[in-house]
Amino acid sequence: MNPVYIFIYDLAIKFYLLAIRVSSQFNPKAKQFIDGRKNLFSELKSTVNKNDYIVWMHCASVGEYEQGRPVIEKLKAENENIKVLLTFFSPSGYAQRKNSTDADYIFYLPIDTKKNAEEFIRIINPRLAIFVKYEFWLHHLNELKKENIPAILISGIFRKEQLFFNRFGKPFLSIIKSFNKIFVQDKNSLDLLSEFGLTNAVLSSDTRFDRVLQVKNNAKQFPEIEKFCRYNKIIIAGSTWPDDEKILIQFIQQQKNTELKWIIAPHEINEQYISTLVNQLGEKAIRFSQIQNSPSEKQFLVIDNIGMLSNIYRYGTIAYVGGGFGKGIHNILEAAVYGVPVLFGPNCKKFREANELILSQSCFSIQNKNEFTSKINQLLTDKNFYSQCSIGCSNYVKNSAGATEQIVQYINKEIFQK
């Protein structure tokens, strides 16, 4: 890459780091971002055995980790000698998965400077690097290439509006070219990369389909929730934000349907947020942590912990997945795998699965409370319509699985040379 563009990239990284340092004075997540990296290299040196056969997987946060997880598990099952080193960019990803047993080592990713990348790769000495979905770090990828260490991208997805494909960002295409192989989710991504002269890509679908099928096949049972649900119809609202909850609560207050029960798992679970939500729902609401001590039957169950949601969608009649009135929807496949039709907000265009399920009329994007009310009522009252949506969801997930097998076969044959 032209040195001028490297300079621009480095300058952007410095400004980003400065902004994080400033915001860390009053933002807890930014403080975690800085503090978590303070002694990173000394911890790496004292923990990682560079003589291990290390496979390094990098994920931005929890969602990407769930995409990468099936690949980690299958690689370890088929290659007993490997050690997996997992890195996260975000504090939330690291905090939630720092004790995961899927990896042998778990750390933050160092800030992407040339010096940091050289030191990091030297210490961990990986035999393979796997990046998940959107992670493109110039200096780390350059260092891998310099050391002849294979690097692959899995579950990649590309759109024309991304930096790489516009007039000023084309020089950064060299970052994508650094990968030995790119496994993309859809044909649009494959065609776009081909249009710009990248021949190192292959169509493979998304490993999240494999992951949600794993969760479904090993779903945990929750007797307390089964008792709460009984024979009622259940709406499960997962990963909700205030804009989502505003629509849900308006619907609840106007409908007053006591036979319809709700399980709400908000994205934020701090005490203030949970208390506010429970108060908005009223006296018929109960937290999951208090459900065993509940003296009477409740209509609203608020999940006040992390880690249950993907398992409890199985109890739903209909699901609402949050984020669509903000930065983007959360994982709708976690519900769809159970044949549960899903509703979500309008910010869903970047999500292949949402677009395809909308096209098949199995799941639905809603713009406001009126559209939410109309679609919920149709799903609750029209049995044929509901059945078509349910079958469409479950078939879509089953028919889209298989990316993990394809990726691991490539690694075993081309990189491990088994």
Protein backbone atom coordinates (compact mmCIF):
# COMPACT_ATOMS: atom_id res chain seq x y z
CA MET A 1 0.00 0.00 0.00
CA ASN A 2 1.12 3.56 -0.75
CA PRO A 3 2.90 5.07 2.33
CA VAL A 4 0.55 8.05 2.19
CA TYR A 5 -2.46 5.81 2.83
CA ILE A 6 -0.64 4.00 5.62
CA PHE A 7 0.06 7.39 7.19
CA ILE A 8 -3.64 8.32 6.91
CA TYR A 9 -4.62 4.97 8.45
CA ASP A 10 -2.17 5.41 11.34
CA LEU A 11 -3.41 8.94 11.94
CA ALA A 12 -7.01 7.67 12.11
CA ILE A 13 -5.97 5.01 14.64
CA LYS A 14 -4.22 7.67 16.79
CA PHE A 15 -7.27 9.94 16.75
CA TYR A 16 -9.54 7.00 17.60
CA LEU A 17 -7.33 6.03 20.53
CA LEU A 18 -7.22 9.64 21.74
CA ALA A 19 -11.02 9.83 21.64
CA ILE A 20 -11.29 6.60 23.64
CA ARG A 21 -8.80 7.89 26.24
CA VAL A 22 -10.76 11.11 26.67
CA SER A 23 -14.11 9.34 26.92
CA SER A 24 -12.66 6.80 29.38
CA GLN A 25 -12.77 9.55 32.01
CA PHE A 26 -16.56 9.31 32.12
CA ASN A 27 -17.55 6.24 30.03
CA PRO A 28 -17.15 2.84 31.79
CA LYS A 29 -16.87 0.86 28.53
CA ALA A 30 -14.17 3.17 27.18
CA LYS A 31 -12.31 2.80 30.48
CA GLN A 32 -12.52 -0.99 30.13
CA PHE A 33 -11.17 -0.66 26.59
CA ILE A 34 -8.08 1.19 27.86
CA ASP A 35 -7.54 -0.66 31.15
CA GLY A 36 -7.93 -4.08 29.55
CA ARG A 37 -4.96 -3.45 27.29
CA LYS A 38 -2.58 -1.89 29.86
CA ASN A 39 -0.50 -4.98 30.62
CA LEU A 40 -1.48 -6.95 27.54
CA PHE A 41 1.97 -7.84 26.23
CA SER A 42 3.36 -8.87 29.62
CA GLU A 43 0.30 -11.09 30.14
CA LEU A 44 0.76 -12.62 26.71
CA LYS A 45 4.44 -13.35 27.38
CA SER A 46 3.75 -14.97 30.73
CA THR A 47 0.75 -17.01 29.54
CA VAL A 48 1.18 -18.11 25.93
CA ASN A 49 3.52 -20.92 25.00
CA LYS A 50 4.74 -19.89 21.55
CA ASN A 51 5.71 -23.50 20.85
CA ASP A 52 2.03 -24.50 20.93
CA TYR A 53 0.30 -25.08 17.59
CA ILE A 54 -1.78 -21.92 17.94
CA VAL A 55 -4.82 -21.04 15.86
CA TRP A 56 -5.67 -17.39 16.46
CA MET A 57 -9.28 -16.30 16.01
CA HIS A 58 -10.23 -12.63 16.23
CA CYS A 59 -13.78 -11.40 16.84
CA ALA A 60 -15.05 -7.85 17.25
CA SER A 61 -17.54 -8.78 19.98
CA VAL A 62 -20.01 -11.41 21.20
CA GLY A 63 -21.98 -11.68 17.95
CA GLU A 64 -18.88 -12.43 15.92
CA TYR A 65 -17.72 -14.88 18.58
CA GLU A 66 -20.95 -16.82 18.14
CA GLN A 67 -20.22 -16.94 14.40
CA GLY A 68 -16.71 -18.20 14.96
CA ARG A 69 -17.56 -20.64 17.71
CA PRO A 70 -18.69 -23.59 15.52
CA VAL A 71 -15.42 -23.36 13.59
CA ILE A 72 -13.35 -23.36 16.80
CA GLU A 73 -15.23 -26.34 18.18
CA LYS A 74 -14.96 -28.40 15.01
CA LEU A 75 -11.28 -27.58 14.52
CA LYS A 76 -10.47 -28.65 18.07
CA ALA A 77 -12.54 -31.82 17.75
CA GLU A 78 -10.67 -32.84 14.59
CA ASN A 79 -7.18 -31.59 15.58
CA GLU A 80 -6.23 -32.49 19.13
CA ASN A 81 -2.85 -30.78 18.91
CA ILE A 82 -4.09 -27.23 18.31
CA LYS A 83 -4.48 -24.48 20.90
CA VAL A 84 -6.99 -21.71 20.21
CA LEU A 85 -6.13 -18.12 21.07
CA LEU A 86 -9.17 -15.87 20.96
CA THR A 87 -9.06 -12.06 20.83
CA PHE A 88 -11.78 -9.43 21.10
CA PHE A 89 -11.83 -5.79 20.08
CA SER A 90 -14.71 -4.68 22.30
CA PRO A 91 -14.83 -4.69 26.11
CA SER A 92 -18.32 -6.23 26.11
CA GLY A 93 -17.15 -9.17 24.01
CA TYR A 94 -14.13 -9.80 26.20
CA ALA A 95 -16.06 -9.38 29.47
CA GLN A 96 -18.79 -11.82 28.47
CA ARG A 97 -16.50 -14.53 27.06
CA LYS A 98 -13.21 -14.18 28.96
CA ASN A 99 -13.92 -17.43 30.81
CA SER A 100 -15.06 -19.42 27.78
CA THR A 101 -13.78 -22.99 27.64
CA ASP A 102 -13.83 -22.99 23.82
CA ALA A 103 -10.44 -21.27 23.70
CA ASP A 104 -7.15 -21.96 25.47
CA TYR A 105 -6.16 -18.29 25.62
CA ILE A 106 -8.44 -15.22 25.60
CA PHE A 107 -7.18 -11.62 25.30
CA TYR A 108 -7.96 -8.19 23.94
CA LEU A 109 -6.63 -7.38 20.47
CA PRO A 110 -3.79 -4.82 20.69
CA ILE A 111 -4.42 -1.45 19.06
CA ASP A 112 -3.53 -1.83 15.38
CA THR A 113 -0.15 -0.13 15.11
CA LYS A 114 2.84 -1.55 13.27
CA LYS A 115 4.82 -1.97 16.50
CA ASN A 116 1.96 -3.65 18.35
CA ALA A 117 1.24 -6.02 15.48
CA GLU A 118 4.89 -7.08 15.23
CA GLU A 119 5.09 -7.72 18.97
CA PHE A 120 1.77 -9.54 19.13
CA ILE A 121 2.52 -11.91 16.24
CA ARG A 122 6.04 -12.54 17.56
CA ILE A 123 4.71 -13.54 20.99
CA ILE A 124 1.82 -15.80 19.97
CA ASN A 125 3.46 -17.25 16.82
CA PRO A 126 0.17 -18.49 15.26
CA ARG A 127 0.05 -21.18 12.57
CA LEU A 128 -3.26 -19.80 11.29
CA ALA A 129 -5.28 -16.61 11.82
CA ILE A 130 -9.06 -16.53 11.45
CA PHE A 131 -10.90 -13.20 11.32
CA VAL A 132 -14.69 -13.12 11.65
CA LYS A 133 -17.03 -11.10 9.41
CA TYR A 134 -15.89 -7.46 9.44
CA GLU A 135 -12.45 -7.37 11.02
CA PHE A 136 -9.81 -5.77 8.77
CA TRP A 137 -6.73 -4.65 10.69
CA LEU A 138 -4.01 -3.41 8.34
CA HIS A 139 -0.88 -3.91 10.44
CA HIS A 140 -1.87 -7.27 11.92
CA LEU A 141 -2.69 -8.61 8.47
CA ASN A 142 0.51 -7.18 7.01
CA GLU A 143 2.56 -8.82 9.75
CA LEU A 144 0.88 -12.17 9.17
CA LYS A 145 1.64 -11.92 5.47
CA LYS A 146 5.25 -10.91 6.15
CA GLU A 147 5.70 -13.98 8.37
CA ASN A 148 3.95 -16.27 5.85
CA ILE A 149 1.20 -17.11 8.32
CA PRO A 150 -2.10 -18.02 6.57
CA ALA A 151 -5.05 -15.73 7.31
CA ILE A 152 -8.70 -16.35 6.39
CA LEU A 153 -11.91 -14.38 6.80
CA ILE A 154 -15.09 -16.30 7.62
CA SER A 155 -18.75 -15.26 7.31
CA GLY A 156 -17.65 -12.18 5.41
CA ILE A 157 -20.21 -9.88 3.89
CA PHE A 158 -19.52 -6.92 1.62
CA ARG A 159 -21.58 -4.01 0.28
CA LYS A 160 -20.77 -1.35 -2.31
CA GLU A 161 -21.04 1.46 0.23
CA GLN A 162 -18.11 0.10 2.23
CA LEU A 163 -14.87 2.09 2.22
CA PHE A 164 -13.00 -0.42 0.04
CA PHE A 165 -15.27 0.08 -2.94
CA ASN A 166 -15.53 3.86 -3.18
CA ARG A 167 -13.28 6.27 -5.02
CA PHE A 168 -11.11 7.22 -2.06
CA GLY A 169 -10.97 3.86 -0.35
CA LYS A 170 -9.79 1.62 -3.18
CA PRO A 171 -6.15 1.60 -1.99
CA PHE A 172 -7.39 -0.19 1.13
CA LEU A 173 -8.47 -3.14 -1.03
CA SER A 174 -4.97 -4.44 -0.38
CA ILE A 175 -6.14 -5.25 3.16
CA ILE A 176 -8.73 -7.67 1.80
CA LYS A 177 -6.18 -9.11 -0.60
CA SER A 178 -4.03 -10.05 2.40
CA PHE A 179 -6.33 -12.96 3.20
CA ASN A 180 -5.44 -16.35 1.77
CA LYS A 181 -9.14 -17.14 1.53
CA ILE A 182 -12.37 -15.24 2.16
CA PHE A 183 -15.53 -17.22 2.91
CA VAL A 184 -18.49 -14.95 2.11
CA GLN A 185 -22.11 -15.23 3.17
CA ASP A 186 -23.83 -14.42 -0.11
CA LYS A 187 -23.40 -14.24 -3.88
CA ASN A 188 -23.66 -10.43 -3.88
CA SER A 189 -20.49 -10.26 -1.79
CA LEU A 190 -18.74 -12.76 -4.06
CA ASP A 191 -19.70 -10.82 -7.19
CA LEU A 192 -18.63 -7.51 -5.66
CA LEU A 193 -15.19 -8.81 -4.73
CA SER A 194 -14.81 -10.32 -8.19
CA GLU A 195 -15.77 -6.99 -9.79
CA PHE A 196 -12.87 -5.34 -7.97
CA GLY A 197 -10.38 -8.02 -8.94
CA LEU A 198 -10.34 -10.11 -5.79
CA THR A 199 -10.13 -13.79 -6.64
CA ASN A 200 -9.48 -15.18 -3.15
CA ALA A 201 -13.18 -15.46 -2.19
CA VAL A 202 -15.58 -18.40 -2.11
CA LEU A 203 -19.31 -18.64 -1.32
CA SER A 204 -19.96 -20.46 1.95
CA SER A 205 -23.05 -19.02 3.73
CA ASP A 206 -22.89 -17.85 7.35
CA THR A 207 -21.61 -19.96 10.27
CA ARG A 208 -24.35 -18.48 12.46
CA PHE A 209 -26.79 -20.92 10.87
CA ASP A 210 -24.66 -23.79 12.16
CA ARG A 211 -24.40 -22.14 15.56
CA VAL A 212 -28.13 -21.63 16.10
CA LEU A 213 -28.80 -25.21 15.03
CA GLN A 214 -26.24 -26.34 17.63
CA VAL A 215 -28.02 -24.32 20.31
CA LYS A 216 -31.42 -25.67 19.27
CA ASN A 217 -30.23 -29.29 19.34
CA ASN A 218 -28.75 -28.81 22.82
CA ALA A 219 -31.25 -26.31 24.18
CA LYS A 220 -31.38 -26.00 27.95
CA GLN A 221 -34.64 -26.41 29.77
CA PHE A 222 -35.87 -23.88 32.30
CA PRO A 223 -38.63 -25.32 34.54
CA GLU A 224 -39.41 -21.88 35.96
CA ILE A 225 -40.08 -20.51 32.47
CA GLU A 226 -42.11 -23.57 31.47
CA LYS A 227 -44.26 -23.03 34.54
CA PHE A 228 -44.63 -19.34 33.67
CA CYS A 229 -45.65 -20.12 30.08
CA ARG A 230 -48.01 -23.05 30.69
CA TYR A 231 -50.45 -23.22 27.78
CA ASN A 232 -50.43 -19.52 26.95
CA LYS A 233 -49.26 -17.89 23.76
CA ILE A 234 -45.90 -16.25 24.39
CA ILE A 235 -44.24 -13.23 22.83
CA ILE A 236 -40.50 -13.15 23.45
CA ALA A 237 -38.82 -9.79 23.00
CA GLY A 238 -35.06 -10.22 22.87
CA SER A 239 -32.14 -7.76 22.95
CA THR A 240 -34.50 -4.80 23.25
CA TRP A 241 -33.60 -1.13 23.58
CA PRO A 242 -35.79 1.75 24.87
CA ASP A 243 -37.21 2.52 21.39
CA ASP A 244 -38.25 -1.12 21.02
CA GLU A 245 -39.74 -1.26 24.51
CA LYS A 246 -41.75 1.90 23.89
CA ILE A 247 -43.64 0.12 21.09
CA LEU A 248 -44.07 -3.07 23.12
CA ILE A 249 -45.43 -1.26 26.18
CA GLN A 250 -47.84 0.85 24.11
CA PHE A 251 -49.20 -2.35 22.58
CA ILE A 252 -49.50 -4.03 25.98
CA GLN A 253 -51.32 -1.07 27.53
CA GLN A 254 -53.83 -0.86 24.69
CA GLN A 255 -54.48 -4.58 24.22
CA LYS A 256 -54.81 -5.63 27.85
CA ASN A 257 -54.81 -9.28 26.75
CA THR A 258 -54.14 -11.20 29.98
CA GLU A 259 -53.95 -14.57 28.18
CA LEU A 260 -50.97 -13.39 26.15
CA LYS A 261 -47.75 -13.65 28.12
CA TRP A 262 -44.48 -11.85 27.54
CA ILE A 263 -40.82 -12.65 28.12
CA ILE A 264 -38.60 -9.59 27.69
CA ALA A 265 -34.81 -9.86 27.63
CA PRO A 266 -33.40 -6.31 27.33
CA HIS A 267 -29.96 -5.67 25.88
CA GLU A 268 -28.92 -3.74 28.98
CA ILE A 269 -29.30 -5.53 32.30
CA ASN A 270 -27.97 -3.02 34.83
CA GLU A 271 -30.10 -2.52 37.92
CA GLN A 272 -31.50 0.86 36.96
CA TYR A 273 -32.56 -0.31 33.50
CA ILE A 274 -34.23 -3.48 34.77
CA SER A 275 -36.04 -1.63 37.58
CA THR A 276 -37.38 0.96 35.15
CA LEU A 277 -38.63 -1.70 32.75
CA VAL A 278 -40.34 -3.73 35.50
CA ASN A 279 -42.02 -0.58 36.83
CA GLN A 280 -43.29 0.29 33.34
CA LEU A 281 -44.84 -3.17 33.01
CA GLY A 282 -46.57 -2.88 36.39
CA GLU A 283 -47.54 -5.29 39.13
CA LYS A 284 -47.91 -8.28 36.80
CA ALA A 285 -44.19 -8.18 35.99
CA ILE A 286 -41.49 -10.29 37.64
CA ARG A 287 -37.75 -10.62 37.18
CA PHE A 288 -36.36 -14.04 36.34
CA SER A 289 -34.09 -13.87 39.40
CA GLN A 290 -37.18 -13.52 41.61
CA ILE A 291 -39.58 -15.85 39.83
CA GLN A 292 -39.29 -18.72 42.33
CA ASN A 293 -40.46 -16.42 45.12
CA SER A 294 -43.39 -15.02 43.21
CA PRO A 295 -46.60 -15.39 45.26
CA SER A 296 -48.97 -15.13 42.29
CA GLU A 297 -49.10 -15.76 38.57
CA LYS A 298 -47.46 -13.07 36.48
CA GLN A 299 -47.94 -11.97 32.87
CA PHE A 300 -44.55 -10.38 32.18
CA LEU A 301 -41.19 -12.02 32.79
CA VAL A 302 -38.08 -9.82 32.54
CA ILE A 303 -34.80 -11.68 32.02
CA ASP A 304 -32.17 -9.98 34.18
CA ASN A 305 -29.09 -11.98 33.20
CA ILE A 306 -26.92 -12.76 30.17
CA GLY A 307 -26.76 -16.07 28.36
CA MET A 308 -30.33 -17.43 28.42
CA LEU A 309 -31.94 -15.76 25.43
CA SER A 310 -30.86 -18.11 22.63
CA ASN A 311 -32.26 -21.05 24.62
CA ILE A 312 -35.59 -19.50 25.66
CA TYR A 313 -36.78 -18.51 22.17
CA ARG A 314 -37.96 -22.13 22.02
CA TYR A 315 -40.85 -21.15 24.32
CA GLY A 316 -42.06 -18.39 22.01
CA THR A 317 -45.11 -18.15 19.77
CA ILE A 318 -43.79 -14.94 18.20
CA ALA A 319 -40.49 -13.15 18.70
CA TYR A 320 -39.55 -9.51 18.53
CA VAL A 321 -35.81 -8.84 18.17
CA GLY A 322 -34.51 -5.40 19.11
CA GLY A 323 -31.99 -3.00 17.68
CA GLY A 324 -33.87 -2.14 14.50
CA PHE A 325 -34.69 1.37 15.70
CA GLY A 326 -31.02 1.97 16.46
CA LYS A 327 -27.72 0.77 14.97
CA GLY A 328 -29.16 -2.46 13.59
CA ILE A 329 -31.07 -5.59 14.54
CA HIS A 330 -29.65 -8.28 16.77
CA ASN A 331 -29.59 -11.98 15.87
CA ILE A 332 -32.99 -13.02 14.50
CA LEU A 333 -31.75 -16.53 13.63
CA GLU A 334 -31.73 -17.46 17.32
CA ALA A 335 -35.54 -17.32 17.20
CA ALA A 336 -36.15 -18.37 13.59
CA VAL A 337 -34.36 -21.71 14.11
CA TYR A 338 -37.24 -22.79 16.38
CA GLY A 339 -39.82 -21.91 13.73
CA VAL A 340 -40.76 -18.75 15.61
CA PRO A 341 -41.78 -15.86 13.28
CA VAL A 342 -39.80 -12.71 14.06
CA LEU A 343 -40.65 -9.01 13.99
CA PHE A 344 -37.99 -6.30 14.10
CA GLY A 345 -37.42 -2.61 13.43
CA PRO A 346 -36.56 -0.91 10.12
CA ASN A 347 -32.74 -0.86 10.37
CA CYS A 348 -32.23 -4.33 8.89
CA LYS A 349 -30.98 -3.75 5.34
CA LYS A 350 -27.39 -4.79 6.16
CA PHE A 351 -28.54 -8.19 7.39
CA ARG A 352 -28.82 -10.85 4.71
CA GLU A 353 -31.02 -13.16 6.78
CA ALA A 354 -33.52 -10.39 7.53
CA ASN A 355 -33.83 -9.43 3.87
CA GLU A 356 -34.29 -13.03 2.76
CA LEU A 357 -36.85 -13.85 5.46
CA ILE A 358 -38.78 -10.68 4.65
CA LEU A 359 -38.76 -11.68 0.96
CA SER A 360 -40.16 -15.11 1.83
CA GLN A 361 -42.78 -13.44 4.08
CA SER A 362 -41.69 -15.49 7.08
CA CYS A 363 -40.44 -12.56 9.20
CA PHE A 364 -41.37 -8.88 9.14
CA SER A 365 -39.88 -5.44 9.54
CA ILE A 366 -42.14 -2.94 11.28
CA GLN A 367 -41.89 0.86 11.22
CA ASN A 368 -44.09 1.81 14.16
CA LYS A 369 -46.57 0.63 16.78
CA ASN A 370 -49.47 0.39 14.32
CA GLU A 371 -47.55 -1.98 12.03
CA PHE A 372 -46.45 -3.99 15.07
CA THR A 373 -50.06 -4.30 16.25
CA SER A 374 -51.33 -5.32 12.82
CA LYS A 375 -48.72 -8.03 12.29
CA ILE A 376 -48.93 -9.44 15.83
CA ASN A 377 -52.70 -9.73 15.58
CA GLN A 378 -52.47 -11.43 12.18
CA LEU A 379 -49.97 -13.98 13.49
CA LEU A 380 -52.06 -14.64 16.60
CA THR A 381 -55.39 -15.10 14.79
CA ASP A 382 -54.61 -16.52 11.32
CA LYS A 383 -53.47 -20.11 11.86
CA ASN A 384 -52.59 -20.79 8.20
CA PHE A 385 -50.56 -17.60 7.96
CA TYR A 386 -48.74 -18.40 11.19
CA SER A 387 -47.98 -21.95 10.05
CA GLN A 388 -46.51 -20.72 6.75
CA CYS A 389 -44.28 -18.24 8.58
CA SER A 390 -43.15 -20.84 11.11
CA ILE A 391 -42.27 -23.45 8.49
CA GLY A 392 -40.55 -20.79 6.38
CA CYS A 393 -38.32 -19.77 9.30
CA SER A 394 -37.20 -23.26 10.29
CA ASN A 395 -36.64 -24.40 6.68
CA TYR A 396 -34.63 -21.28 5.90
CA VAL A 397 -32.18 -21.96 8.72
CA LYS A 398 -31.81 -25.67 7.93
CA ASN A 399 -31.28 -25.03 4.22
CA SER A 400 -28.63 -22.37 4.88
CA ALA A 401 -26.40 -24.43 7.17
CA GLY A 402 -23.06 -26.01 6.24
CA ALA A 403 -20.52 -23.18 6.23
CA THR A 404 -18.60 -24.60 9.18
CA GLU A 405 -17.99 -27.93 7.43
CA GLN A 406 -16.77 -26.16 4.30
CA ILE A 407 -14.38 -23.87 6.21
CA VAL A 408 -12.91 -26.63 8.37
CA GLN A 409 -12.41 -28.90 5.35
CA TYR A 410 -10.43 -26.11 3.68
CA ILE A 411 -8.29 -25.53 6.78
CA ASN A 412 -7.57 -29.22 7.28
CA LYS A 413 -6.64 -29.79 3.63
CA GLU A 414 -4.96 -26.56 2.54
CA ILE A 415 -3.38 -25.33 5.78
CA PHE A 416 -2.96 -28.32 8.08
CA GLN A 417 -2.42 -30.53 4.98
CA LYS A 418 -4.22 -33.49 6.49
